[in-house]
Amino acid sequence: MTVVVAVHAFDFPGSVPRLERVSGGGVLLDAVPAFSVDDVYGRLASYGEEGRASYAFRNVTVDVLLPLSMLPSVVFTSRWVALTVVTAPMYLCA
């Protein structure tokens, strides 16, 4: 959760504020979907060269690292559920 907040609140390479700043107020493509190829190309063109470079860097780093950073939480929670809830003795389920 900390990573999600950091990506949206702080200005660093790959963050939402950085993209907005270098693209002149551009919005992430998945935040406000475009429904045609022309709309997508138009939005990418509006980012400018620096904005497109920032968006590409963000896709390679944040969009890969954020899910990986959440993986330990998902594994831990799944393991906890499997060990405590699914395999709980019947007298605890009454």
C-alpha atoms as a PDB file:
ATOM      1  CA  MET A   1       0.000   0.000   0.000  1.00  0.00           C
ATOM      2  CA  THR A   2       2.904   2.328   0.730  1.00  0.00           C
ATOM      3  CA  VAL A   3       4.163   1.888  -2.819  1.00  0.00           C
ATOM      4  CA  VAL A   4       0.752   2.810  -4.259  1.00  0.00           C
ATOM      5  CA  VAL A   5       0.621   5.985  -2.170  1.00  0.00           C
ATOM      6  CA  ALA A   6       4.202   6.904  -3.062  1.00  0.00           C
ATOM      7  CA  VAL A   7       3.627   6.434  -6.811  1.00  0.00           C
ATOM      8  CA  HIS A   8       0.619   8.775  -6.710  1.00  0.00           C
ATOM      9  CA  ALA A   9       1.830  11.332  -4.146  1.00  0.00           C
ATOM     10  CA  PHE A  10       5.555  11.943  -4.716  1.00  0.00           C
ATOM     11  CA  ASP A  11       7.365  13.279  -7.781  1.00  0.00           C
ATOM     12  CA  PHE A  12      10.060  10.829  -8.910  1.00  0.00           C
ATOM     13  CA  PRO A  13      10.825   9.078 -12.218  1.00  0.00           C
ATOM     14  CA  GLY A  14       7.896   6.794 -12.962  1.00  0.00           C
ATOM     15  CA  SER A  15       5.421   8.511 -10.649  1.00  0.00           C
ATOM     16  CA  VAL A  16       2.050   9.935 -11.632  1.00  0.00           C
ATOM     17  CA  PRO A  17       2.990  13.503 -10.608  1.00  0.00           C
ATOM     18  CA  ARG A  18       6.140  13.296 -12.765  1.00  0.00           C
ATOM     19  CA  LEU A  19       4.135  12.166 -15.794  1.00  0.00           C
ATOM     20  CA  GLU A  20       1.600  14.934 -15.248  1.00  0.00           C
ATOM     21  CA  ARG A  21       4.380  17.517 -14.927  1.00  0.00           C
ATOM     22  CA  VAL A  22       6.499  16.524 -17.943  1.00  0.00           C
ATOM     23  CA  SER A  23       3.508  15.839 -20.200  1.00  0.00           C
ATOM     24  CA  GLY A  24       1.803  19.144 -19.508  1.00  0.00           C
ATOM     25  CA  GLY A  25      -1.040  17.649 -17.474  1.00  0.00           C
ATOM     26  CA  GLY A  26      -1.363  14.325 -19.279  1.00  0.00           C
ATOM     27  CA  VAL A  27      -3.395  11.605 -17.616  1.00  0.00           C
ATOM     28  CA  LEU A  28      -2.473   7.920 -17.551  1.00  0.00           C
ATOM     29  CA  LEU A  29      -4.117   5.980 -20.353  1.00  0.00           C
ATOM     30  CA  ASP A  30      -5.674   3.511 -17.917  1.00  0.00           C
ATOM     31  CA  ALA A  31      -6.985   6.266 -15.622  1.00  0.00           C
ATOM     32  CA  VAL A  32      -9.271   7.693 -18.300  1.00  0.00           C
ATOM     33  CA  PRO A  33      -9.701   5.060 -21.005  1.00  0.00           C
ATOM     34  CA  ALA A  34      -9.696   5.956 -24.681  1.00  0.00           C
ATOM     35  CA  PHE A  35     -12.001   3.868 -26.818  1.00  0.00           C
ATOM     36  CA  SER A  36     -10.376   4.141 -30.211  1.00  0.00           C
ATOM     37  CA  VAL A  37      -6.892   3.796 -31.614  1.00  0.00           C
ATOM     38  CA  ASP A  38      -6.982   7.401 -32.804  1.00  0.00           C
ATOM     39  CA  ASP A  39      -7.847   8.607 -29.271  1.00  0.00           C
ATOM     40  CA  VAL A  40      -4.899   6.677 -27.810  1.00  0.00           C
ATOM     41  CA  TYR A  41      -2.463   8.002 -30.416  1.00  0.00           C
ATOM     42  CA  GLY A  42      -3.820  11.505 -29.904  1.00  0.00           C
ATOM     43  CA  ARG A  43      -3.281  11.349 -26.167  1.00  0.00           C
ATOM     44  CA  LEU A  44       0.217   9.932 -26.573  1.00  0.00           C
ATOM     45  CA  ALA A  45       1.056  12.697 -29.038  1.00  0.00           C
ATOM     46  CA  SER A  46      -0.224  15.297 -26.568  1.00  0.00           C
ATOM     47  CA  TYR A  47       2.255  14.041 -23.933  1.00  0.00           C
ATOM     48  CA  GLY A  48       5.185  15.339 -25.971  1.00  0.00           C
ATOM     49  CA  GLU A  49       8.556  13.622 -26.267  1.00  0.00           C
ATOM     50  CA  GLU A  50       9.485  13.919 -22.584  1.00  0.00           C
ATOM     51  CA  GLY A  51       6.024  12.815 -21.466  1.00  0.00           C
ATOM     52  CA  ARG A  52       6.129   9.733 -23.706  1.00  0.00           C
ATOM     53  CA  ALA A  53       9.590   8.838 -22.376  1.00  0.00           C
ATOM     54  CA  SER A  54       8.298   9.214 -18.811  1.00  0.00           C
ATOM     55  CA  TYR A  55       5.244   7.076 -19.615  1.00  0.00           C
ATOM     56  CA  ALA A  56       7.416   4.346 -21.164  1.00  0.00           C
ATOM     57  CA  PHE A  57       9.755   4.364 -18.145  1.00  0.00           C
ATOM     58  CA  ARG A  58       6.751   4.154 -15.823  1.00  0.00           C
ATOM     59  CA  ASN A  59       5.335   1.163 -17.681  1.00  0.00           C
ATOM     60  CA  VAL A  60       8.607  -0.733 -17.464  1.00  0.00           C
ATOM     61  CA  THR A  61       9.291   0.068 -13.807  1.00  0.00           C
ATOM     62  CA  VAL A  62       6.220   0.955 -11.754  1.00  0.00           C
ATOM     63  CA  ASP A  63       3.767  -1.269 -13.614  1.00  0.00           C
ATOM     64  CA  VAL A  64       6.095  -4.232 -13.075  1.00  0.00           C
ATOM     65  CA  LEU A  65       7.522  -3.391  -9.644  1.00  0.00           C
ATOM     66  CA  LEU A  66       4.220  -2.434  -8.000  1.00  0.00           C
ATOM     67  CA  PRO A  67       2.572  -5.828  -8.531  1.00  0.00           C
ATOM     68  CA  LEU A  68       5.782  -7.600  -7.513  1.00  0.00           C
ATOM     69  CA  SER A  69       5.952  -5.528  -4.314  1.00  0.00           C
ATOM     70  CA  MET A  70       2.449  -6.701  -3.416  1.00  0.00           C
ATOM     71  CA  LEU A  71       3.234 -10.371  -4.038  1.00  0.00           C
ATOM     72  CA  PRO A  72       4.573 -11.071  -0.512  1.00  0.00           C
ATOM     73  CA  SER A  73       1.349  -9.707   1.025  1.00  0.00           C
ATOM     74  CA  VAL A  74      -0.799 -11.867  -1.238  1.00  0.00           C
ATOM     75  CA  VAL A  75       1.269 -14.977  -0.502  1.00  0.00           C
ATOM     76  CA  PHE A  76       1.259 -14.311   3.259  1.00  0.00           C
ATOM     77  CA  THR A  77      -2.487 -13.667   3.347  1.00  0.00           C
ATOM     78  CA  SER A  78      -3.246 -16.736   1.225  1.00  0.00           C
ATOM     79  CA  ARG A  79      -1.081 -18.884   3.462  1.00  0.00           C
ATOM     80  CA  TRP A  80      -2.720 -17.490   6.605  1.00  0.00           C
ATOM     81  CA  VAL A  81      -6.205 -18.162   5.223  1.00  0.00           C
ATOM     82  CA  ALA A  82      -5.238 -21.681   4.179  1.00  0.00           C
ATOM     83  CA  LEU A  83      -3.724 -22.501   7.569  1.00  0.00           C
ATOM     84  CA  THR A  84      -6.259 -20.846   9.872  1.00  0.00           C
ATOM     85  CA  VAL A  85      -9.580 -20.625   8.106  1.00  0.00           C
ATOM     86  CA  VAL A  86      -9.636 -23.521   5.675  1.00  0.00           C
ATOM     87  CA  THR A  87      -7.991 -26.056   7.975  1.00  0.00           C
ATOM     88  CA  ALA A  88      -9.485 -24.802  11.248  1.00  0.00           C
ATOM     89  CA  PRO A  89     -10.738 -27.519  13.582  1.00  0.00           C
ATOM     90  CA  MET A  90     -14.508 -27.997  13.465  1.00  0.00           C
ATOM     91  CA  TYR A  91     -15.040 -26.790  17.065  1.00  0.00           C
ATOM     92  CA  LEU A  92     -13.686 -23.369  16.009  1.00  0.00           C
ATOM     93  CA  CYS A  93     -16.210 -23.137  13.154  1.00  0.00           C
ATOM     94  CA  ALA A  94     -19.320 -23.579  15.305  1.00  0.00           C
END
